Amino acid sequence: MATKIPFAIGMGVGYVLGARAGRAQYERIKAAAARVAEQPFVRQKIDTASARVSQAVRAQGEAVTDKVADAVKDRLFGPSSAGSAGSAGSSSTPSAT
């Protein structure tokens, strides 16, 4: 949380300066931000954050895909098929009626 506060303050200051100064000042601020973003230390942090976000998106995407597939199986074949058709090596056996 402590690392987000300076970022939020910087965004706010940039917004206020850009809104008051007009397009020319906005272009100067944008160029300065680009120079900062190109610094090796900043670039490393950006790359690390990007990799973490990509990994989280992939993991959550797989979880969503699994839930949707289970819901489709339940909808097509009934709730009892999720335990028998979808999981190999499951210790539970569906009860016969």
PDB file of N, CA and C in Angstrom:
ATOM      1  N   MET A   1       0.819  -1.189   0.000  1.00  0.00           N
ATOM      2  CA  MET A   1       0.000   0.000   0.000  1.00  0.00           C
ATOM      3  C   MET A   1       0.863   1.253   0.000  1.00  0.00           C
ATOM      4  N   ALA A   2       1.992   1.208   0.691  1.00  0.00           N
ATOM      5  CA  ALA A   2       2.860   2.379   0.785  1.00  0.00           C
ATOM      6  C   ALA A   2       3.450   2.743  -0.573  1.00  0.00           C
ATOM      7  N   THR A   3       3.622   1.774  -1.467  1.00  0.00           N
ATOM      8  CA  THR A   3       4.163   2.084  -2.783  1.00  0.00           C
ATOM      9  C   THR A   3       3.104   2.672  -3.712  1.00  0.00           C
ATOM     10  N   LYS A   4       1.851   2.497  -3.396  1.00  0.00           N
ATOM     11  CA  LYS A   4       0.777   3.016  -4.235  1.00  0.00           C
ATOM     12  C   LYS A   4       0.513   4.493  -3.967  1.00  0.00           C
ATOM     13  N   ILE A   5       0.801   4.944  -2.765  1.00  0.00           N
ATOM     14  CA  ILE A   5       0.520   6.339  -2.410  1.00  0.00           C
ATOM     15  C   ILE A   5       1.339   7.309  -3.259  1.00  0.00           C
ATOM     16  N   PRO A   6       2.672   7.142  -3.381  1.00  0.00           N
ATOM     17  CA  PRO A   6       3.422   8.064  -4.239  1.00  0.00           C
ATOM     18  C   PRO A   6       2.960   8.021  -5.702  1.00  0.00           C
ATOM     19  N   PHE A   7       2.608   6.856  -6.167  1.00  0.00           N
ATOM     20  CA  PHE A   7       2.119   6.729  -7.535  1.00  0.00           C
ATOM     21  C   PHE A   7       0.832   7.517  -7.720  1.00  0.00           C
ATOM     22  N   ALA A   8      -0.096   7.382  -6.783  1.00  0.00           N
ATOM     23  CA  ALA A   8      -1.366   8.107  -6.862  1.00  0.00           C
ATOM     24  C   ALA A   8      -1.138   9.613  -6.789  1.00  0.00           C
ATOM     25  N   ILE A   9      -0.229  10.038  -5.936  1.00  0.00           N
ATOM     26  CA  ILE A   9       0.085  11.468  -5.835  1.00  0.00           C
ATOM     27  C   ILE A   9       0.667  11.962  -7.161  1.00  0.00           C
ATOM     28  N   GLY A  10       1.563  11.201  -7.734  1.00  0.00           N
ATOM     29  CA  GLY A  10       2.150  11.568  -9.022  1.00  0.00           C
ATOM     30  C   GLY A  10       1.110  11.667 -10.126  1.00  0.00           C
ATOM     31  N   MET A  11       0.178  10.732 -10.130  1.00  0.00           N
ATOM     32  CA  MET A  11      -0.898  10.777 -11.125  1.00  0.00           C
ATOM     33  C   MET A  11      -1.751  12.025 -10.936  1.00  0.00           C
ATOM     34  N   GLY A  12      -2.058  12.334  -9.710  1.00  0.00           N
ATOM     35  CA  GLY A  12      -2.865  13.521  -9.427  1.00  0.00           C
ATOM     36  C   GLY A  12      -2.163  14.804  -9.838  1.00  0.00           C
ATOM     37  N   VAL A  13      -0.889  14.912  -9.504  1.00  0.00           N
ATOM     38  CA  VAL A  13      -0.105  16.102  -9.873  1.00  0.00           C
ATOM     39  C   VAL A  13      -0.020  16.203 -11.392  1.00  0.00           C
ATOM     40  N   GLY A  14       0.236  15.105 -12.060  1.00  0.00           N
ATOM     41  CA  GLY A  14       0.301  15.112 -13.521  1.00  0.00           C
ATOM     42  C   GLY A  14      -1.006  15.536 -14.156  1.00  0.00           C
ATOM     43  N   TYR A  15      -2.094  15.064 -13.586  1.00  0.00           N
ATOM     44  CA  TYR A  15      -3.407  15.436 -14.114  1.00  0.00           C
ATOM     45  C   TYR A  15      -3.656  16.934 -13.950  1.00  0.00           C
ATOM     46  N   VAL A  16      -3.378  17.458 -12.756  1.00  0.00           N
ATOM     47  CA  VAL A  16      -3.616  18.879 -12.490  1.00  0.00           C
ATOM     48  C   VAL A  16      -2.732  19.745 -13.383  1.00  0.00           C
ATOM     49  N   LEU A  17      -1.450  19.403 -13.467  1.00  0.00           N
ATOM     50  CA  LEU A  17      -0.550  20.182 -14.318  1.00  0.00           C
ATOM     51  C   LEU A  17      -0.984  20.117 -15.782  1.00  0.00           C
ATOM     52  N   GLY A  18      -1.342  18.955 -16.222  1.00  0.00           N
ATOM     53  CA  GLY A  18      -1.769  18.806 -17.613  1.00  0.00           C
ATOM     54  C   GLY A  18      -3.056  19.553 -17.901  1.00  0.00           C
ATOM     55  N   ALA A  19      -3.982  19.538 -16.967  1.00  0.00           N
ATOM     56  CA  ALA A  19      -5.258  20.215 -17.177  1.00  0.00           C
ATOM     57  C   ALA A  19      -5.094  21.732 -17.179  1.00  0.00           C
ATOM     58  N   ARG A  20      -4.221  22.245 -16.368  1.00  0.00           N
ATOM     59  CA  ARG A  20      -4.047  23.698 -16.270  1.00  0.00           C
ATOM     60  C   ARG A  20      -3.163  24.268 -17.370  1.00  0.00           C
ATOM     61  N   ALA A  21      -2.162  23.524 -17.789  1.00  0.00           N
ATOM     62  CA  ALA A  21      -1.159  24.090 -18.685  1.00  0.00           C
ATOM     63  C   ALA A  21      -1.511  23.930 -20.159  1.00  0.00           C
ATOM     64  N   GLY A  22      -2.356  23.011 -20.491  1.00  0.00           N
ATOM     65  CA  GLY A  22      -2.720  22.831 -21.889  1.00  0.00           C
ATOM     66  C   GLY A  22      -1.890  21.768 -22.583  1.00  0.00           C
ATOM     67  N   ARG A  23      -2.045  21.735 -23.905  1.00  0.00           N
ATOM     68  CA  ARG A  23      -1.457  20.672 -24.721  1.00  0.00           C
ATOM     69  C   ARG A  23       0.069  20.684 -24.714  1.00  0.00           C
ATOM     70  N   ALA A  24       0.682  21.846 -24.785  1.00  0.00           N
ATOM     71  CA  ALA A  24       2.147  21.915 -24.834  1.00  0.00           C
ATOM     72  C   ALA A  24       2.759  21.346 -23.562  1.00  0.00           C
ATOM     73  N   GLN A  25       2.233  21.723 -22.438  1.00  0.00           N
ATOM     74  CA  GLN A  25       2.743  21.203 -21.171  1.00  0.00           C
ATOM     75  C   GLN A  25       2.475  19.701 -21.067  1.00  0.00           C
ATOM     76  N   TYR A  26       1.331  19.271 -21.558  1.00  0.00           N
ATOM     77  CA  TYR A  26       1.006  17.845 -21.556  1.00  0.00           C
ATOM     78  C   TYR A  26       2.056  17.062 -22.334  1.00  0.00           C
ATOM     79  N   GLU A  27       2.449  17.570 -23.499  1.00  0.00           N
ATOM     80  CA  GLU A  27       3.458  16.894 -24.315  1.00  0.00           C
ATOM     81  C   GLU A  27       4.800  16.836 -23.589  1.00  0.00           C
ATOM     82  N   ARG A  28       5.169  17.911 -22.870  1.00  0.00           N
ATOM     83  CA  ARG A  28       6.422  17.904 -22.108  1.00  0.00           C
ATOM     84  C   ARG A  28       6.362  16.886 -20.965  1.00  0.00           C
ATOM     85  N   ILE A  29       5.232  16.847 -20.278  1.00  0.00           N
ATOM     86  CA  ILE A  29       5.069  15.872 -19.179  1.00  0.00           C
ATOM     87  C   ILE A  29       5.133  14.451 -19.736  1.00  0.00           C
ATOM     88  N   LYS A  30       4.488  14.238 -20.874  1.00  0.00           N
ATOM     89  CA  LYS A  30       4.479  12.912 -21.499  1.00  0.00           C
ATOM     90  C   LYS A  30       5.902  12.488 -21.881  1.00  0.00           C
ATOM     91  N   ALA A  31       6.686  13.419 -22.432  1.00  0.00           N
ATOM     92  CA  ALA A  31       8.060  13.114 -22.815  1.00  0.00           C
ATOM     93  C   ALA A  31       8.911  12.808 -21.580  1.00  0.00           C
ATOM     94  N   ALA A  32       8.713  13.566 -20.505  1.00  0.00           N
ATOM     95  CA  ALA A  32       9.464  13.319 -19.270  1.00  0.00           C
ATOM     96  C   ALA A  32       9.102  11.951 -18.691  1.00  0.00           C
ATOM     97  N   ALA A  33       7.829  11.611 -18.736  1.00  0.00           N
ATOM     98  CA  ALA A  33       7.391  10.304 -18.233  1.00  0.00           C
ATOM     99  C   ALA A  33       7.993   9.181 -19.067  1.00  0.00           C
ATOM    100  N   ALA A  34       8.086   9.386 -20.369  1.00  0.00           N
ATOM    101  CA  ALA A  34       8.683   8.371 -21.241  1.00  0.00           C
ATOM    102  C   ALA A  34      10.158   8.187 -20.915  1.00  0.00           C
ATOM    103  N   ARG A  35      10.864   9.289 -20.633  1.00  0.00           N
ATOM    104  CA  ARG A  35      12.287   9.185 -20.267  1.00  0.00           C
ATOM    105  C   ARG A  35      12.456   8.419 -18.957  1.00  0.00           C
ATOM    106  N   VAL A  36      11.575   8.682 -18.001  1.00  0.00           N
ATOM    107  CA  VAL A  36      11.637   7.965 -16.720  1.00  0.00           C
ATOM    108  C   VAL A  36      11.352   6.477 -16.940  1.00  0.00           C
ATOM    109  N   ALA A  37      10.374   6.189 -17.766  1.00  0.00           N
ATOM    110  CA  ALA A  37      10.003   4.791 -18.017  1.00  0.00           C
ATOM    111  C   ALA A  37      11.110   4.016 -18.715  1.00  0.00           C
ATOM    112  N   GLU A  38      12.000   4.709 -19.413  1.00  0.00           N
ATOM    113  CA  GLU A  38      13.092   4.040 -20.118  1.00  0.00           C
ATOM    114  C   GLU A  38      14.297   3.759 -19.225  1.00  0.00           C
ATOM    115  N   GLN A  39      14.316   4.274 -18.026  1.00  0.00           N
ATOM    116  CA  GLN A  39      15.432   4.032 -17.106  1.00  0.00           C
ATOM    117  C   GLN A  39      15.482   2.544 -16.760  1.00  0.00           C
ATOM    118  N   PRO A  40      16.676   1.955 -16.669  1.00  0.00           N
ATOM    119  CA  PRO A  40      16.801   0.506 -16.418  1.00  0.00           C
ATOM    120  C   PRO A  40      16.078   0.052 -15.142  1.00  0.00           C
ATOM    121  N   PHE A  41      16.192   0.812 -14.062  1.00  0.00           N
ATOM    122  CA  PHE A  41      15.550   0.418 -12.806  1.00  0.00           C
ATOM    123  C   PHE A  41      14.032   0.392 -12.967  1.00  0.00           C
ATOM    124  N   VAL A  42      13.484   1.423 -13.583  1.00  0.00           N
ATOM    125  CA  VAL A  42      12.038   1.509 -13.788  1.00  0.00           C
ATOM    126  C   VAL A  42      11.594   0.436 -14.765  1.00  0.00           C
ATOM    127  N   ARG A  43      12.347   0.236 -15.849  1.00  0.00           N
ATOM    128  CA  ARG A  43      12.010  -0.771 -16.853  1.00  0.00           C
ATOM    129  C   ARG A  43      11.957  -2.168 -16.224  1.00  0.00           C
ATOM    130  N   GLN A  44      12.916  -2.456 -15.312  1.00  0.00           N
ATOM    131  CA  GLN A  44      12.940  -3.747 -14.635  1.00  0.00           C
ATOM    132  C   GLN A  44      11.672  -3.935 -13.803  1.00  0.00           C
ATOM    133  N   LYS A  45      11.274  -2.890 -13.074  1.00  0.00           N
ATOM    134  CA  LYS A  45      10.054  -2.977 -12.256  1.00  0.00           C
ATOM    135  C   LYS A  45       8.822  -3.164 -13.130  1.00  0.00           C
ATOM    136  N   ILE A  46       8.773  -2.453 -14.242  1.00  0.00           N
ATOM    137  CA  ILE A  46       7.630  -2.581 -15.152  1.00  0.00           C
ATOM    138  C   ILE A  46       7.565  -3.990 -15.732  1.00  0.00           C
ATOM    139  N   ASP A  47       8.710  -4.530 -16.139  1.00  0.00           N
ATOM    140  CA  ASP A  47       8.744  -5.884 -16.701  1.00  0.00           C
ATOM    141  C   ASP A  47       8.328  -6.929 -15.672  1.00  0.00           C
ATOM    142  N   THR A  48       8.790  -6.763 -14.426  1.00  0.00           N
ATOM    143  CA  THR A  48       8.422  -7.690 -13.358  1.00  0.00           C
ATOM    144  C   THR A  48       6.917  -7.644 -13.101  1.00  0.00           C
ATOM    145  N   ALA A  49       6.379  -6.448 -13.019  1.00  0.00           N
ATOM    146  CA  ALA A  49       4.943  -6.298 -12.781  1.00  0.00           C
ATOM    147  C   ALA A  49       4.140  -6.880 -13.942  1.00  0.00           C
ATOM    148  N   SER A  50       4.600  -6.640 -15.155  1.00  0.00           N
ATOM    149  CA  SER A  50       3.915  -7.165 -16.332  1.00  0.00           C
ATOM    150  C   SER A  50       3.899  -8.693 -16.327  1.00  0.00           C
ATOM    151  N   ALA A  51       5.017  -9.294 -15.966  1.00  0.00           N
ATOM    152  CA  ALA A  51       5.085 -10.759 -15.905  1.00  0.00           C
ATOM    153  C   ALA A  51       4.135 -11.309 -14.838  1.00  0.00           C
ATOM    154  N   ARG A  52       4.086 -10.640 -13.692  1.00  0.00           N
ATOM    155  CA  ARG A  52       3.184 -11.093 -12.627  1.00  0.00           C
ATOM    156  C   ARG A  52       1.726 -10.986 -13.039  1.00  0.00           C
ATOM    157  N   VAL A  53       1.384  -9.897 -13.708  1.00  0.00           N
ATOM    158  CA  VAL A  53       0.002  -9.721 -14.174  1.00  0.00           C
ATOM    159  C   VAL A  53      -0.345 -10.784 -15.202  1.00  0.00           C
ATOM    160  N   SER A  54       0.565 -11.038 -16.137  1.00  0.00           N
ATOM    161  CA  SER A  54       0.315 -12.066 -17.152  1.00  0.00           C
ATOM    162  C   SER A  54       0.108 -13.439 -16.512  1.00  0.00           C
ATOM    163  N   GLN A  55       0.933 -13.751 -15.526  1.00  0.00           N
ATOM    164  CA  GLN A  55       0.811 -15.039 -14.837  1.00  0.00           C
ATOM    165  C   GLN A  55      -0.532 -15.130 -14.108  1.00  0.00           C
ATOM    166  N   ALA A  56      -0.931 -14.064 -13.446  1.00  0.00           N
ATOM    167  CA  ALA A  56      -2.207 -14.064 -12.722  1.00  0.00           C
ATOM    168  C   ALA A  56      -3.379 -14.191 -13.684  1.00  0.00           C
ATOM    169  N   VAL A  57      -3.306 -13.515 -14.817  1.00  0.00           N
ATOM    170  CA  VAL A  57      -4.383 -13.591 -15.806  1.00  0.00           C
ATOM    171  C   VAL A  57      -4.500 -15.009 -16.351  1.00  0.00           C
ATOM    172  N   ARG A  58      -3.345 -15.619 -16.649  1.00  0.00           N
ATOM    173  CA  ARG A  58      -3.380 -16.999 -17.136  1.00  0.00           C
ATOM    174  C   ARG A  58      -4.003 -17.930 -16.112  1.00  0.00           C
ATOM    175  N   ALA A  59      -3.586 -17.807 -14.860  1.00  0.00           N
ATOM    176  CA  ALA A  59      -4.105 -18.688 -13.805  1.00  0.00           C
ATOM    177  C   ALA A  59      -5.603 -18.491 -13.616  1.00  0.00           C
ATOM    178  N   GLN A  60      -6.039 -17.247 -13.584  1.00  0.00           N
ATOM    179  CA  GLN A  60      -7.463 -16.985 -13.410  1.00  0.00           C
ATOM    180  C   GLN A  60      -8.260 -17.423 -14.634  1.00  0.00           C
ATOM    181  N   GLY A  61      -7.669 -17.277 -15.811  1.00  0.00           N
ATOM    182  CA  GLY A  61      -8.334 -17.732 -17.035  1.00  0.00           C
ATOM    183  C   GLY A  61      -8.549 -19.234 -17.020  1.00  0.00           C
ATOM    184  N   GLU A  62      -7.549 -19.976 -16.541  1.00  0.00           N
ATOM    185  CA  GLU A  62      -7.699 -21.428 -16.435  1.00  0.00           C
ATOM    186  C   GLU A  62      -8.787 -21.791 -15.431  1.00  0.00           C
ATOM    187  N   ALA A  63      -8.835 -21.078 -14.315  1.00  0.00           N
ATOM    188  CA  ALA A  63      -9.856 -21.354 -13.305  1.00  0.00           C
ATOM    189  C   ALA A  63     -11.251 -21.083 -13.861  1.00  0.00           C
ATOM    190  N   VAL A  64     -11.396 -19.997 -14.600  1.00  0.00           N
ATOM    191  CA  VAL A  64     -12.695 -19.661 -15.195  1.00  0.00           C
ATOM    192  C   VAL A  64     -13.076 -20.712 -16.225  1.00  0.00           C
ATOM    193  N   THR A  65     -12.117 -21.123 -17.056  1.00  0.00           N
ATOM    194  CA  THR A  65     -12.389 -22.143 -18.063  1.00  0.00           C
ATOM    195  C   THR A  65     -12.851 -23.442 -17.405  1.00  0.00           C
ATOM    196  N   ASP A  66     -12.192 -23.849 -16.316  1.00  0.00           N
ATOM    197  CA  ASP A  66     -12.588 -25.066 -15.614  1.00  0.00           C
ATOM    198  C   ASP A  66     -14.013 -24.945 -15.068  1.00  0.00           C
ATOM    199  N   LYS A  67     -14.339 -23.803 -14.483  1.00  0.00           N
ATOM    200  CA  LYS A  67     -15.686 -23.616 -13.924  1.00  0.00           C
ATOM    201  C   LYS A  67     -16.747 -23.629 -15.020  1.00  0.00           C
ATOM    202  N   VAL A  68     -16.448 -22.991 -16.147  1.00  0.00           N
ATOM    203  CA  VAL A  68     -17.407 -22.977 -17.250  1.00  0.00           C
ATOM    204  C   VAL A  68     -17.589 -24.392 -17.798  1.00  0.00           C
ATOM    205  N   ALA A  69     -16.497 -25.125 -17.958  1.00  0.00           N
ATOM    206  CA  ALA A  69     -16.600 -26.497 -18.462  1.00  0.00           C
ATOM    207  C   ALA A  69     -17.430 -27.361 -17.515  1.00  0.00           C
ATOM    208  N   ASP A  70     -17.209 -27.222 -16.209  1.00  0.00           N
ATOM    209  CA  ASP A  70     -18.006 -27.978 -15.239  1.00  0.00           C
ATOM    210  C   ASP A  70     -19.475 -27.587 -15.307  1.00  0.00           C
ATOM    211  N   ALA A  71     -19.754 -26.299 -15.462  1.00  0.00           N
ATOM    212  CA  ALA A  71     -21.145 -25.839 -15.544  1.00  0.00           C
ATOM    213  C   ALA A  71     -21.826 -26.380 -16.791  1.00  0.00           C
ATOM    214  N   VAL A  72     -21.088 -26.413 -17.901  1.00  0.00           N
ATOM    215  CA  VAL A  72     -21.656 -26.943 -19.147  1.00  0.00           C
ATOM    216  C   VAL A  72     -21.934 -28.435 -18.995  1.00  0.00           C
ATOM    217  N   LYS A  73     -20.984 -29.173 -18.395  1.00  0.00           N
ATOM    218  CA  LYS A  73     -21.205 -30.606 -18.172  1.00  0.00           C
ATOM    219  C   LYS A  73     -22.423 -30.833 -17.291  1.00  0.00           C
ATOM    220  N   ASP A  74     -22.535 -30.045 -16.224  1.00  0.00           N
ATOM    221  CA  ASP A  74     -23.690 -30.179 -15.331  1.00  0.00           C
ATOM    222  C   ASP A  74     -24.989 -29.885 -16.072  1.00  0.00           C
ATOM    223  N   ARG A  75     -24.955 -28.886 -16.914  1.00  0.00           N
ATOM    224  CA  ARG A  75     -26.159 -28.487 -17.650  1.00  0.00           C
ATOM    225  C   ARG A  75     -26.553 -29.556 -18.670  1.00  0.00           C
ATOM    226  N   LEU A  76     -25.562 -30.135 -19.355  1.00  0.00           N
ATOM    227  CA  LEU A  76     -25.857 -31.114 -20.392  1.00  0.00           C
ATOM    228  C   LEU A  76     -26.151 -32.500 -19.843  1.00  0.00           C
ATOM    229  N   PHE A  77     -25.376 -32.915 -18.843  1.00  0.00           N
ATOM    230  CA  PHE A  77     -25.463 -34.297 -18.390  1.00  0.00           C
ATOM    231  C   PHE A  77     -25.997 -34.447 -16.976  1.00  0.00           C
ATOM    232  N   GLY A  78     -26.272 -33.365 -16.303  1.00  0.00           N
ATOM    233  CA  GLY A  78     -26.763 -33.425 -14.935  1.00  0.00           C
ATOM    234  C   GLY A  78     -25.633 -33.314 -13.936  1.00  0.00           C
ATOM    235  N   PRO A  79     -25.952 -32.923 -12.701  1.00  0.00           N
ATOM    236  CA  PRO A  79     -24.924 -32.692 -11.681  1.00  0.00           C
ATOM    237  C   PRO A  79     -24.107 -33.922 -11.338  1.00  0.00           C
ATOM    238  N   SER A  80     -24.620 -35.126 -11.508  1.00  0.00           N
ATOM    239  CA  SER A  80     -23.876 -36.318 -11.106  1.00  0.00           C
ATOM    240  C   SER A  80     -22.690 -36.599 -12.013  1.00  0.00           C
ATOM    241  N   SER A  81     -22.677 -36.061 -13.241  1.00  0.00           N
ATOM    242  CA  SER A  81     -21.582 -36.362 -14.166  1.00  0.00           C
ATOM    243  C   SER A  81     -20.298 -35.640 -13.798  1.00  0.00           C
ATOM    244  N   ALA A  82     -20.370 -34.563 -13.052  1.00  0.00           N
ATOM    245  CA  ALA A  82     -19.164 -33.809 -12.699  1.00  0.00           C
ATOM    246  C   ALA A  82     -18.226 -34.654 -11.855  1.00  0.00           C
ATOM    247  N   GLY A  83     -18.747 -35.505 -11.003  1.00  0.00           N
ATOM    248  CA  GLY A  83     -17.907 -36.337 -10.165  1.00  0.00           C
ATOM    249  C   GLY A  83     -17.374 -37.556 -10.883  1.00  0.00           C
ATOM    250  N   SER A  84     -18.100 -38.070 -11.890  1.00  0.00           N
ATOM    251  CA  SER A  84     -17.665 -39.300 -12.518  1.00  0.00           C
ATOM    252  C   SER A  84     -16.933 -39.065 -13.831  1.00  0.00           C
ATOM    253  N   ALA A  85     -17.371 -38.135 -14.656  1.00  0.00           N
ATOM    254  CA  ALA A  85     -16.753 -37.961 -15.971  1.00  0.00           C
ATOM    255  C   ALA A  85     -15.561 -37.020 -15.924  1.00  0.00           C
ATOM    256  N   GLY A  86     -15.575 -36.047 -15.040  1.00  0.00           N
ATOM    257  CA  GLY A  86     -14.550 -35.018 -15.074  1.00  0.00           C
ATOM    258  C   GLY A  86     -13.331 -35.288 -14.242  1.00  0.00           C
ATOM    259  N   SER A  87     -13.373 -36.143 -13.235  1.00  0.00           N
ATOM    260  CA  SER A  87     -12.211 -36.301 -12.370  1.00  0.00           C
ATOM    261  C   SER A  87     -11.752 -37.749 -12.344  1.00  0.00           C
ATOM    262  N   ALA A  88     -10.582 -37.981 -12.880  1.00  0.00           N
ATOM    263  CA  ALA A  88      -9.997 -39.320 -12.874  1.00  0.00           C
ATOM    264  C   ALA A  88      -9.401 -39.581 -11.500  1.00  0.00           C
ATOM    265  N   GLY A  89      -9.553 -40.776 -11.007  1.00  0.00           N
ATOM    266  CA  GLY A  89      -8.988 -41.132  -9.722  1.00  0.00           C
ATOM    267  C   GLY A  89      -9.786 -40.604  -8.549  1.00  0.00           C
ATOM    268  N   SER A  90     -11.012 -40.255  -8.762  1.00  0.00           N
ATOM    269  CA  SER A  90     -11.844 -39.737  -7.677  1.00  0.00           C
ATOM    270  C   SER A  90     -12.266 -40.875  -6.778  1.00  0.00           C
ATOM    271  N   SER A  91     -12.270 -40.643  -5.472  1.00  0.00           N
ATOM    272  CA  SER A  91     -12.619 -41.696  -4.522  1.00  0.00           C
ATOM    273  C   SER A  91     -14.121 -41.799  -4.334  1.00  0.00           C
ATOM    274  N   SER A  92     -14.884 -40.805  -4.778  1.00  0.00           N
ATOM    275  CA  SER A  92     -16.339 -40.862  -4.605  1.00  0.00           C
ATOM    276  C   SER A  92     -16.961 -41.556  -5.811  1.00  0.00           C
ATOM    277  N   THR A  93     -17.973 -42.370  -5.550  1.00  0.00           N
ATOM    278  CA  THR A  93     -18.681 -43.063  -6.607  1.00  0.00           C
ATOM    279  C   THR A  93     -20.111 -42.554  -6.635  1.00  0.00           C
ATOM    280  N   PRO A  94     -20.647 -42.271  -7.816  1.00  0.00           N
ATOM    281  CA  PRO A  94     -22.034 -41.813  -7.868  1.00  0.00           C
ATOM    282  C   PRO A  94     -22.969 -42.945  -7.432  1.00  0.00           C
ATOM    283  N   SER A  95     -24.000 -42.587  -6.724  1.00  0.00           N
ATOM    284  CA  SER A  95     -24.935 -43.599  -6.232  1.00  0.00           C
ATOM    285  C   SER A  95     -25.927 -43.964  -7.322  1.00  0.00           C
ATOM    286  N   ALA A  96     -26.238 -45.239  -7.420  1.00  0.00           N
ATOM    287  CA  ALA A  96     -27.201 -45.714  -8.395  1.00  0.00           C
ATOM    288  C   ALA A  96     -28.587 -45.604  -7.819  1.00  0.00           C
ATOM    289  N   THR A  97     -29.525 -45.109  -8.617  1.00  0.00           N
ATOM    290  CA  THR A  97     -30.911 -44.968  -8.138  1.00  0.00           C
ATOM    291  C   THR A  97     -31.832 -45.856  -8.880  1.00  0.00           C
TER     292      THR A  97
END
